[in-house]
Structure formats: C-alpha cells, structure tokens
C-alpha cells in the first residue's frame, strides 16, 4: 500500500474526529445523526443499528440518536464512543436507565451500566462492528484485552434489558 492510499484510508477517521472534536457532535454531525436516526428508526438497518430515544435531562424533550448495538454472549449492549461526557449517557443515568429503542419497532428498555472490569471484551466487539467508532477509541480493534482494559473506565457500556413484561432479557423479579 503506498502513502497516498494509506492517507486516504485514514481520511474518514479524521473527518469523524473533527465532527466530534469537542466530545460532542458539531452542527454537521448533529444533522447527520438526526437523518440517520430517522432512517434507522424505520428498521432499514435492522440488527446493525438502532435509534436510542432518551428524555433530555435539562429540557425534558425527546432526544434520538443512532447507535450500533453490540451482541455479546447472549446480551445486548450499547457503548458510548465519545466517553463518559456523552450527552446520551448523562440522560440515561438521569432517567434511571429508562429509554426506548427503535429499529422498525418500538421497544421500551432499561439500560444497566456494566462494571468497568467487564467492559473490555464488549469494547473490542464494538470496534469490530462499528467502524465509525474506531477514531474515537484509542485502541486497535485487533489489540489484546489488556489494551481495552486500560481504557475501559473512559467508555461507558450499558446492558440492554427489555422493559416489556415477559421479555427474554428482562431482569428477573426475584
């Protein structure tokens, strides 16, 4: 691979970093996220992307954004690619984990934060599935678990549980 091809391969990562350079989406990223959320909500990308709906902790308005779900060892997980200061993380925490997932259908869910010590394999799987997140998490997707353990505290991970009574992944009532 020559230097020009290598530079072109890295270009999308640079653009993504620029769109989120303050740790929050800039105007372009916000607009693209709104468009993606509408498309993903229809179910066109079923399984590969979802739309997460949360209540804004300050405004009370519905906030929607597209995310890549991470299936791992029978569970469903969501990762905050921009780290602990991510708005949707603060909204989910303020709402006690209550949210809605849309991907063709509407599913009320509870999101439970995963302990830092258990995040590394989920973060590695996330980078395999979400190429757009790779510029934001400073670990090569092929790195060993120890590299992911070193950054795990900076990237919240939530386990998704259906809030629909009787759902397979709903936590037990005992």
N, C-alpha and C. Protein backbone atom coordinates (compact mmCIF):
# COMPACT_ATOMS: atom_id res chain seq x y z
N UNK A 1 0.86 -1.17 0.00
CA UNK A 1 0.00 0.00 0.00
C UNK A 1 0.91 1.23 0.00
N UNK A 2 0.68 2.16 -0.94
CA UNK A 2 1.51 3.35 -0.97
C UNK A 2 1.02 4.40 0.01
N UNK A 3 1.82 5.47 0.21
CA UNK A 3 1.48 6.50 1.20
C UNK A 3 0.17 7.20 0.88
N UNK A 4 -0.11 7.41 -0.41
CA UNK A 4 -1.35 8.09 -0.78
C UNK A 4 -2.56 7.24 -0.42
N UNK A 5 -2.52 5.93 -0.70
CA UNK A 5 -3.63 5.06 -0.34
C UNK A 5 -3.80 5.00 1.17
N UNK A 6 -2.68 4.92 1.91
CA UNK A 6 -2.75 4.85 3.36
C UNK A 6 -3.37 6.13 3.92
N UNK A 7 -3.00 7.29 3.36
CA UNK A 7 -3.56 8.57 3.79
C UNK A 7 -5.06 8.63 3.51
N UNK A 8 -5.49 8.11 2.37
CA UNK A 8 -6.90 8.12 2.03
C UNK A 8 -7.69 7.19 2.95
N UNK A 9 -7.09 6.08 3.37
CA UNK A 9 -7.77 5.17 4.29
C UNK A 9 -8.02 5.82 5.63
N UNK A 10 -7.14 6.71 6.06
CA UNK A 10 -7.29 7.37 7.35
C UNK A 10 -8.20 8.59 7.29
N UNK A 11 -8.48 9.12 6.12
CA UNK A 11 -9.26 10.34 5.97
C UNK A 11 -10.63 10.28 6.64
N UNK A 12 -11.43 9.22 6.45
CA UNK A 12 -12.73 9.19 7.12
C UNK A 12 -12.61 9.30 8.64
N UNK A 13 -11.57 8.72 9.22
CA UNK A 13 -11.36 8.83 10.66
C UNK A 13 -11.09 10.25 11.09
N UNK A 14 -10.33 10.97 10.30
CA UNK A 14 -10.05 12.38 10.61
C UNK A 14 -11.32 13.21 10.55
N UNK A 15 -12.14 12.97 9.57
CA UNK A 15 -13.40 13.70 9.46
C UNK A 15 -14.28 13.41 10.67
N UNK A 16 -14.38 12.14 11.06
CA UNK A 16 -15.19 11.78 12.23
C UNK A 16 -14.65 12.43 13.50
N UNK A 17 -13.33 12.47 13.65
CA UNK A 17 -12.76 13.13 14.82
C UNK A 17 -13.09 14.61 14.81
N UNK A 18 -13.03 15.25 13.65
CA UNK A 18 -13.35 16.67 13.54
C UNK A 18 -14.82 16.91 13.90
N UNK A 19 -15.71 16.02 13.45
CA UNK A 19 -17.13 16.21 13.71
C UNK A 19 -17.47 16.11 15.20
N UNK A 20 -16.60 15.46 15.98
CA UNK A 20 -16.83 15.29 17.42
C UNK A 20 -15.66 15.83 18.24
N UNK A 21 -14.96 16.83 17.73
CA UNK A 21 -13.70 17.26 18.35
C UNK A 21 -13.87 17.81 19.76
N UNK A 22 -15.02 18.32 20.12
CA UNK A 22 -15.23 18.84 21.48
C UNK A 22 -15.83 17.78 22.41
N UNK A 23 -15.93 16.55 21.92
CA UNK A 23 -16.57 15.49 22.71
C UNK A 23 -18.07 15.48 22.53
N UNK A 24 -18.56 16.39 21.71
CA UNK A 24 -19.98 16.47 21.37
C UNK A 24 -20.07 16.64 19.86
N UNK A 25 -21.18 16.25 19.25
CA UNK A 25 -21.29 16.42 17.80
C UNK A 25 -21.36 17.90 17.41
N UNK A 26 -20.61 18.28 16.35
CA UNK A 26 -20.75 19.64 15.84
C UNK A 26 -22.04 19.72 15.01
N UNK A 27 -22.30 20.85 14.36
CA UNK A 27 -23.56 21.01 13.62
C UNK A 27 -23.74 19.96 12.52
N UNK A 28 -22.67 19.70 11.80
CA UNK A 28 -22.75 18.71 10.72
C UNK A 28 -23.07 17.33 11.30
N UNK A 29 -22.35 16.94 12.34
CA UNK A 29 -22.58 15.63 12.95
C UNK A 29 -24.00 15.54 13.52
N UNK A 30 -24.48 16.62 14.13
CA UNK A 30 -25.86 16.62 14.67
C UNK A 30 -26.88 16.40 13.57
N UNK A 31 -26.69 17.11 12.44
CA UNK A 31 -27.62 16.96 11.32
C UNK A 31 -27.57 15.54 10.77
N UNK A 32 -26.36 15.00 10.60
CA UNK A 32 -26.23 13.64 10.09
C UNK A 32 -26.82 12.62 11.07
N UNK A 33 -26.65 12.86 12.36
CA UNK A 33 -27.24 11.96 13.36
C UNK A 33 -28.76 11.98 13.31
N UNK A 34 -29.35 13.17 13.12
CA UNK A 34 -30.82 13.26 13.02
C UNK A 34 -31.32 12.49 11.80
N UNK A 35 -30.65 12.66 10.67
CA UNK A 35 -31.04 11.94 9.45
C UNK A 35 -30.89 10.44 9.67
N UNK A 36 -29.75 10.02 10.24
CA UNK A 36 -29.53 8.60 10.50
C UNK A 36 -30.56 8.03 11.45
N UNK A 37 -30.92 8.80 12.48
CA UNK A 37 -31.91 8.32 13.46
C UNK A 37 -33.25 8.06 12.80
N UNK A 38 -33.65 8.92 11.88
CA UNK A 38 -34.92 8.74 11.18
C UNK A 38 -34.86 7.47 10.32
N UNK A 39 -33.78 7.30 9.60
CA UNK A 39 -33.63 6.14 8.72
C UNK A 39 -33.57 4.85 9.55
N UNK A 40 -32.76 4.85 10.59
CA UNK A 40 -32.59 3.66 11.42
C UNK A 40 -33.89 3.29 12.11
N UNK A 41 -34.67 4.27 12.53
CA UNK A 41 -35.95 4.02 13.21
C UNK A 41 -36.92 3.22 12.35
N UNK A 42 -36.79 3.33 11.04
CA UNK A 42 -37.70 2.62 10.15
C UNK A 42 -37.42 1.12 10.10
N UNK A 43 -36.24 0.72 10.56
CA UNK A 43 -35.89 -0.70 10.54
C UNK A 43 -35.09 -1.12 9.34
N UNK A 44 -34.71 -0.17 8.48
CA UNK A 44 -33.94 -0.50 7.28
C UNK A 44 -32.62 -1.18 7.64
N UNK A 45 -32.04 -0.78 8.76
CA UNK A 45 -30.74 -1.33 9.18
C UNK A 45 -30.91 -2.33 10.32
N UNK A 46 -32.04 -2.96 10.39
CA UNK A 46 -32.38 -3.86 11.49
C UNK A 46 -31.20 -4.76 11.88
N UNK A 47 -30.86 -4.69 13.16
CA UNK A 47 -29.78 -5.51 13.67
C UNK A 47 -28.43 -4.81 13.67
N UNK A 48 -28.16 -4.01 12.65
CA UNK A 48 -26.85 -3.34 12.55
C UNK A 48 -26.82 -2.01 13.26
N UNK A 49 -27.95 -1.34 13.32
CA UNK A 49 -28.06 -0.05 14.02
C UNK A 49 -29.42 0.06 14.66
N UNK A 50 -29.48 0.87 15.71
CA UNK A 50 -30.76 1.15 16.37
C UNK A 50 -30.83 2.66 16.61
N UNK A 51 -32.01 3.13 16.93
CA UNK A 51 -32.16 4.50 17.39
C UNK A 51 -32.47 4.44 18.87
N UNK A 52 -31.71 5.17 19.66
CA UNK A 52 -31.96 5.26 21.09
C UNK A 52 -32.71 6.55 21.36
N UNK A 53 -33.82 6.45 22.08
CA UNK A 53 -34.58 7.64 22.48
C UNK A 53 -34.48 7.78 23.99
N UNK A 54 -34.03 8.96 24.43
CA UNK A 54 -33.97 9.27 25.84
C UNK A 54 -34.66 10.60 26.09
N UNK A 55 -34.94 10.87 27.33
CA UNK A 55 -35.50 12.17 27.70
C UNK A 55 -34.35 13.08 28.10
N UNK A 56 -34.32 14.27 27.51
CA UNK A 56 -33.27 15.23 27.85
C UNK A 56 -33.33 15.58 29.33
N UNK A 57 -32.23 15.49 30.02
CA UNK A 57 -32.22 15.71 31.46
C UNK A 57 -32.47 17.16 31.82
N UNK A 58 -32.19 18.10 30.93
CA UNK A 58 -32.44 19.51 31.21
C UNK A 58 -33.71 20.03 30.55
N UNK A 59 -33.94 19.60 29.31
CA UNK A 59 -35.07 20.13 28.56
C UNK A 59 -36.33 19.28 28.70
N UNK A 60 -36.17 18.01 29.01
CA UNK A 60 -37.32 17.11 29.06
C UNK A 60 -37.77 16.66 27.68
N UNK A 61 -37.15 17.20 26.63
CA UNK A 61 -37.52 16.82 25.27
C UNK A 61 -36.93 15.46 24.91
N UNK A 62 -37.56 14.81 23.94
CA UNK A 62 -37.07 13.53 23.45
C UNK A 62 -35.81 13.75 22.63
N UNK A 63 -34.79 12.98 22.95
CA UNK A 63 -33.52 13.04 22.23
C UNK A 63 -33.35 11.70 21.53
N UNK A 64 -33.05 11.73 20.23
CA UNK A 64 -32.86 10.49 19.48
C UNK A 64 -31.49 10.51 18.82
N UNK A 65 -30.85 9.34 18.78
CA UNK A 65 -29.58 9.24 18.10
C UNK A 65 -29.35 7.80 17.67
N UNK A 66 -28.62 7.63 16.57
CA UNK A 66 -28.33 6.28 16.10
C UNK A 66 -27.15 5.68 16.86
N UNK A 67 -27.23 4.41 17.17
CA UNK A 67 -26.15 3.69 17.84
C UNK A 67 -26.00 2.31 17.22
N UNK A 68 -24.83 1.73 17.40
CA UNK A 68 -24.58 0.37 16.95
C UNK A 68 -24.72 -0.54 18.17
N UNK A 69 -25.70 -1.45 18.15
CA UNK A 69 -25.83 -2.38 19.28
C UNK A 69 -24.74 -3.45 19.21
N UNK A 70 -24.34 -3.93 20.37
CA UNK A 70 -23.28 -4.93 20.43
C UNK A 70 -23.84 -6.22 21.03
N UNK A 71 -24.07 -7.23 20.20
CA UNK A 71 -24.45 -8.52 20.77
C UNK A 71 -23.19 -9.19 21.32
N UNK A 72 -23.27 -9.63 22.57
CA UNK A 72 -22.12 -10.28 23.17
C UNK A 72 -22.59 -11.28 24.23
N UNK A 73 -22.20 -12.52 24.06
CA UNK A 73 -22.53 -13.61 24.99
C UNK A 73 -24.01 -13.59 25.41
N UNK A 74 -24.88 -13.48 24.43
CA UNK A 74 -26.31 -13.56 24.67
C UNK A 74 -26.96 -12.27 25.15
N UNK A 75 -26.20 -11.23 25.35
CA UNK A 75 -26.75 -9.95 25.78
C UNK A 75 -26.66 -8.90 24.70
N UNK A 76 -27.37 -7.80 24.91
CA UNK A 76 -27.28 -6.65 24.00
C UNK A 76 -26.67 -5.49 24.79
N UNK A 77 -25.74 -4.78 24.15
CA UNK A 77 -25.03 -3.70 24.83
C UNK A 77 -24.98 -2.46 23.95
N UNK A 78 -24.85 -1.31 24.61
CA UNK A 78 -24.64 -0.03 23.93
C UNK A 78 -23.38 0.59 24.51
N UNK A 79 -22.56 1.17 23.64
CA UNK A 79 -21.28 1.75 24.04
C UNK A 79 -21.30 3.24 23.69
N UNK A 80 -20.76 4.06 24.60
CA UNK A 80 -20.63 5.50 24.37
C UNK A 80 -19.27 5.77 23.75
N UNK A 81 -19.21 5.90 22.42
CA UNK A 81 -17.94 6.04 21.73
C UNK A 81 -17.21 7.32 22.08
N UNK A 82 -17.93 8.33 22.57
CA UNK A 82 -17.29 9.59 22.92
C UNK A 82 -16.91 9.66 24.39
N UNK A 83 -17.18 8.61 25.13
CA UNK A 83 -16.74 8.55 26.51
C UNK A 83 -17.75 8.99 27.54
N UNK A 84 -17.25 9.22 28.74
CA UNK A 84 -18.11 9.46 29.90
C UNK A 84 -18.89 10.77 29.82
N UNK A 85 -18.42 11.74 29.07
CA UNK A 85 -19.12 13.02 28.98
C UNK A 85 -20.22 13.06 27.94
N UNK A 86 -20.53 11.95 27.34
CA UNK A 86 -21.53 11.88 26.28
C UNK A 86 -22.91 12.24 26.80
N UNK A 87 -23.62 13.08 26.06
CA UNK A 87 -24.94 13.53 26.48
C UNK A 87 -25.94 12.41 26.72
N UNK A 88 -25.96 11.43 25.82
CA UNK A 88 -26.96 10.37 25.99
C UNK A 88 -26.69 9.56 27.25
N UNK A 89 -25.43 9.44 27.64
CA UNK A 89 -25.09 8.71 28.88
C UNK A 89 -25.66 9.46 30.07
N UNK A 90 -25.46 10.77 30.11
CA UNK A 90 -26.00 11.58 31.21
C UNK A 90 -27.52 11.51 31.24
N UNK A 91 -28.15 11.50 30.07
CA UNK A 91 -29.62 11.41 30.01
C UNK A 91 -30.11 10.07 30.53
N UNK A 92 -29.45 9.00 30.13
CA UNK A 92 -29.85 7.65 30.57
C UNK A 92 -29.67 7.53 32.08
N UNK A 93 -28.56 8.02 32.59
CA UNK A 93 -28.32 7.97 34.04
C UNK A 93 -29.38 8.76 34.79
N UNK A 94 -29.70 9.96 34.29
CA UNK A 94 -30.70 10.81 34.94
C UNK A 94 -32.09 10.18 34.91
N UNK A 95 -32.37 9.38 33.88
CA UNK A 95 -33.68 8.73 33.74
C UNK A 95 -33.73 7.37 34.42
N UNK A 96 -32.72 7.04 35.20
CA UNK A 96 -32.70 5.75 35.87
C UNK A 96 -32.60 4.58 34.91
N UNK A 97 -31.99 4.81 33.74
CA UNK A 97 -31.81 3.75 32.76
C UNK A 97 -32.98 3.56 31.80
N UNK A 98 -34.06 4.32 31.97
CA UNK A 98 -35.22 4.16 31.10
C UNK A 98 -34.97 4.82 29.74
N UNK A 99 -35.29 4.09 28.68
CA UNK A 99 -35.11 4.58 27.32
C UNK A 99 -36.00 3.77 26.38
N UNK A 100 -35.95 4.12 25.12
CA UNK A 100 -36.68 3.39 24.09
C UNK A 100 -35.70 3.11 22.95
N UNK A 101 -35.79 1.90 22.42
CA UNK A 101 -35.00 1.53 21.24
C UNK A 101 -35.96 1.36 20.08
N UNK A 102 -35.58 1.94 18.94
CA UNK A 102 -36.38 1.79 17.73
C UNK A 102 -35.50 1.24 16.62
N UNK A 103 -36.07 0.26 15.94
CA UNK A 103 -35.45 -0.30 14.74
C UNK A 103 -36.54 -1.06 14.01
N UNK A 104 -37.46 -0.30 13.48
CA UNK A 104 -38.63 -0.89 12.83
C UNK A 104 -39.78 -1.05 13.80
N UNK A 105 -39.47 -1.33 15.04
CA UNK A 105 -40.49 -1.42 16.08
C UNK A 105 -40.02 -0.59 17.27
N UNK A 106 -40.90 -0.43 18.23
CA UNK A 106 -40.65 0.41 19.39
C UNK A 106 -40.53 -0.49 20.60
N UNK A 107 -39.42 -0.40 21.34
CA UNK A 107 -39.20 -1.27 22.50
C UNK A 107 -38.74 -0.45 23.70
N UNK A 108 -39.56 -0.37 24.74
CA UNK A 108 -39.09 0.29 25.96
C UNK A 108 -38.04 -0.60 26.62
N UNK A 109 -36.96 0.02 27.10
CA UNK A 109 -35.86 -0.74 27.69
C UNK A 109 -35.37 -0.07 28.97
N UNK A 110 -34.61 -0.85 29.72
CA UNK A 110 -33.84 -0.33 30.85
C UNK A 110 -32.38 -0.62 30.52
N UNK A 111 -31.55 0.38 30.71
CA UNK A 111 -30.13 0.24 30.45
C UNK A 111 -29.40 0.21 31.78
N UNK A 112 -28.59 -0.83 31.97
CA UNK A 112 -27.84 -1.00 33.20
C UNK A 112 -26.35 -0.89 32.89
N UNK A 113 -25.68 0.01 33.58
CA UNK A 113 -24.27 0.24 33.32
C UNK A 113 -23.44 -0.99 33.71
N UNK A 114 -22.54 -1.36 32.83
CA UNK A 114 -21.68 -2.52 33.02
C UNK A 114 -20.46 -2.09 33.85
N UNK A 115 -20.09 -2.92 34.81
CA UNK A 115 -18.92 -2.67 35.63
C UNK A 115 -17.68 -2.53 34.75
N UNK A 116 -16.81 -1.61 35.10
CA UNK A 116 -15.60 -1.34 34.32
C UNK A 116 -14.79 -2.61 34.08
N UNK A 117 -14.72 -3.49 35.06
CA UNK A 117 -13.91 -4.71 34.94
C UNK A 117 -14.45 -5.68 33.89
N UNK A 118 -15.70 -5.49 33.46
CA UNK A 118 -16.32 -6.40 32.49
C UNK A 118 -16.45 -5.80 31.09
N UNK A 119 -15.98 -4.59 30.89
CA UNK A 119 -16.20 -3.87 29.62
C UNK A 119 -15.26 -4.27 28.48
N UNK A 120 -14.04 -4.69 28.77
CA UNK A 120 -13.02 -4.87 27.73
C UNK A 120 -13.47 -5.74 26.56
N UNK A 121 -14.03 -6.93 26.76
CA UNK A 121 -14.41 -7.74 25.60
C UNK A 121 -15.57 -7.13 24.81
N UNK A 122 -16.42 -6.39 25.50
CA UNK A 122 -17.54 -5.73 24.81
C UNK A 122 -17.02 -4.58 23.96
N UNK A 123 -16.07 -3.82 24.50
CA UNK A 123 -15.46 -2.74 23.72
C UNK A 123 -14.75 -3.28 22.49
N UNK A 124 -14.05 -4.39 22.62
CA UNK A 124 -13.37 -4.99 21.47
C UNK A 124 -14.38 -5.41 20.41
N UNK A 125 -15.46 -6.05 20.83
CA UNK A 125 -16.51 -6.47 19.89
C UNK A 125 -17.14 -5.24 19.23
N UNK A 126 -17.33 -4.17 20.00
CA UNK A 126 -17.90 -2.92 19.46
C UNK A 126 -17.05 -2.38 18.32
N UNK A 127 -15.74 -2.36 18.50
CA UNK A 127 -14.88 -1.84 17.43
C UNK A 127 -14.89 -2.74 16.20
N UNK A 128 -15.17 -4.02 16.36
CA UNK A 128 -15.32 -4.91 15.21
C UNK A 128 -16.57 -4.53 14.41
N UNK A 129 -17.64 -4.14 15.12
CA UNK A 129 -18.94 -3.88 14.48
C UNK A 129 -19.16 -2.44 14.05
N UNK A 130 -18.45 -1.49 14.66
CA UNK A 130 -18.72 -0.06 14.44
C UNK A 130 -17.47 0.66 13.94
N UNK A 131 -17.20 0.59 12.64
CA UNK A 131 -16.00 1.24 12.12
C UNK A 131 -15.98 2.74 12.39
N UNK A 132 -17.14 3.36 12.48
CA UNK A 132 -17.20 4.80 12.75
C UNK A 132 -16.72 5.18 14.14
N UNK A 133 -16.67 4.21 15.04
CA UNK A 133 -16.21 4.48 16.41
C UNK A 133 -14.70 4.36 16.55
N UNK A 134 -14.06 3.73 15.60
CA UNK A 134 -12.62 3.45 15.73
C UNK A 134 -11.76 4.70 15.93
N UNK A 135 -12.06 5.83 15.27
CA UNK A 135 -11.23 7.01 15.50
C UNK A 135 -11.38 7.59 16.92
N UNK A 136 -12.43 7.22 17.63
CA UNK A 136 -12.70 7.81 18.93
C UNK A 136 -12.19 7.00 20.11
N UNK A 137 -11.92 5.73 19.90
CA UNK A 137 -11.44 4.86 20.97
C UNK A 137 -10.00 4.50 20.63
N UNK A 138 -9.04 4.93 21.45
CA UNK A 138 -7.62 4.83 21.09
C UNK A 138 -7.00 3.45 21.28
N UNK A 139 -7.66 2.44 20.75
CA UNK A 139 -7.16 1.07 20.82
C UNK A 139 -7.41 0.43 19.46
N UNK A 140 -6.42 -0.29 18.97
CA UNK A 140 -6.60 -1.03 17.72
C UNK A 140 -7.60 -2.15 17.96
N UNK A 141 -8.50 -2.34 17.04
CA UNK A 141 -9.55 -3.36 17.23
C UNK A 141 -8.99 -4.77 17.34
N UNK A 142 -7.76 -4.98 16.91
CA UNK A 142 -7.14 -6.30 16.99
C UNK A 142 -6.29 -6.46 18.26
N UNK A 143 -6.23 -5.43 19.09
CA UNK A 143 -5.39 -5.47 20.29
C UNK A 143 -5.93 -6.49 21.29
N UNK A 144 -5.09 -6.86 22.21
CA UNK A 144 -5.49 -7.79 23.26
C UNK A 144 -6.41 -7.13 24.27
N UNK A 145 -7.05 -7.95 25.08
CA UNK A 145 -7.98 -7.43 26.08
C UNK A 145 -7.33 -6.46 27.06
N UNK A 146 -6.05 -6.64 27.34
CA UNK A 146 -5.39 -5.73 28.29
C UNK A 146 -5.39 -4.29 27.79
N UNK A 147 -5.29 -4.08 26.48
CA UNK A 147 -5.35 -2.72 25.91
C UNK A 147 -6.73 -2.13 26.11
N UNK A 148 -7.77 -2.93 25.97
CA UNK A 148 -9.14 -2.45 26.18
C UNK A 148 -9.40 -2.21 27.66
N UNK A 149 -8.83 -3.04 28.52
CA UNK A 149 -8.99 -2.85 29.97
C UNK A 149 -8.40 -1.50 30.39
N UNK A 150 -7.32 -1.08 29.73
CA UNK A 150 -6.66 0.18 30.07
C UNK A 150 -7.52 1.40 29.80
N UNK A 151 -8.45 1.32 28.85
CA UNK A 151 -9.30 2.47 28.51
C UNK A 151 -10.76 2.28 28.93
N UNK A 152 -11.10 1.13 29.46
CA UNK A 152 -12.50 0.79 29.74
C UNK A 152 -13.20 1.80 30.64
N UNK A 153 -12.50 2.38 31.58
CA UNK A 153 -13.13 3.33 32.50
C UNK A 153 -13.62 4.58 31.77
N UNK A 154 -13.03 4.90 30.64
CA UNK A 154 -13.38 6.11 29.89
C UNK A 154 -14.57 5.94 28.95
N UNK A 155 -15.03 4.68 28.74
CA UNK A 155 -16.09 4.42 27.77
C UNK A 155 -17.23 3.63 28.41
N UNK A 156 -18.30 4.33 28.82
CA UNK A 156 -19.43 3.62 29.43
C UNK A 156 -20.06 2.59 28.49
N UNK A 157 -20.45 1.47 29.08
CA UNK A 157 -21.13 0.40 28.36
C UNK A 157 -22.38 0.08 29.15
N UNK A 158 -23.50 -0.09 28.45
CA UNK A 158 -24.78 -0.40 29.09
C UNK A 158 -25.34 -1.70 28.55
N UNK A 159 -25.82 -2.54 29.43
CA UNK A 159 -26.53 -3.75 29.02
C UNK A 159 -27.98 -3.36 28.82
N UNK A 160 -28.57 -3.81 27.72
CA UNK A 160 -29.95 -3.51 27.37
C UNK A 160 -30.86 -4.62 27.89
N UNK A 161 -31.86 -4.24 28.65
CA UNK A 161 -32.89 -5.19 29.12
C UNK A 161 -34.24 -4.68 28.63
N UNK A 162 -35.01 -5.54 28.04
CA UNK A 162 -36.34 -5.16 27.60
C UNK A 162 -37.19 -4.80 28.82
N UNK A 163 -37.94 -3.72 28.71
CA UNK A 163 -38.86 -3.34 29.78
C UNK A 163 -40.25 -3.88 29.51
N UNK A 164 -40.38 -4.68 28.45
CA UNK A 164 -41.65 -5.31 28.12
C UNK A 164 -41.83 -6.51 29.04
N UNK A 165 -42.92 -6.59 29.79
CA UNK A 165 -43.12 -7.74 30.70
C UNK A 165 -43.02 -9.07 29.96
N UNK A 166 -42.25 -9.99 30.54
CA UNK A 166 -42.13 -11.32 29.97
C UNK A 166 -41.09 -11.44 28.87
N UNK A 167 -40.38 -10.34 28.56
CA UNK A 167 -39.36 -10.40 27.53
C UNK A 167 -38.21 -11.29 27.99
N UNK A 168 -37.54 -11.92 27.03
CA UNK A 168 -36.48 -12.88 27.35
C UNK A 168 -35.33 -12.27 28.13
N UNK A 169 -34.97 -11.01 27.84
CA UNK A 169 -33.81 -10.43 28.52
C UNK A 169 -34.20 -9.51 29.68
N UNK A 170 -35.48 -9.52 30.06
CA UNK A 170 -35.90 -8.72 31.20
C UNK A 170 -35.33 -9.31 32.48
N UNK A 171 -34.82 -8.45 33.39
CA UNK A 171 -34.29 -9.00 34.63
C UNK A 171 -35.38 -9.66 35.44
N UNK A 172 -35.00 -10.69 36.19
CA UNK A 172 -36.00 -11.41 36.98
C UNK A 172 -36.52 -10.53 38.10
N UNK A 173 -37.71 -10.79 38.55
CA UNK A 173 -38.35 -10.00 39.60
C UNK A 173 -38.00 -10.49 40.99
N UNK A 174 -37.22 -11.56 41.10
CA UNK A 174 -36.87 -12.08 42.42
C UNK A 174 -35.66 -11.39 43.00
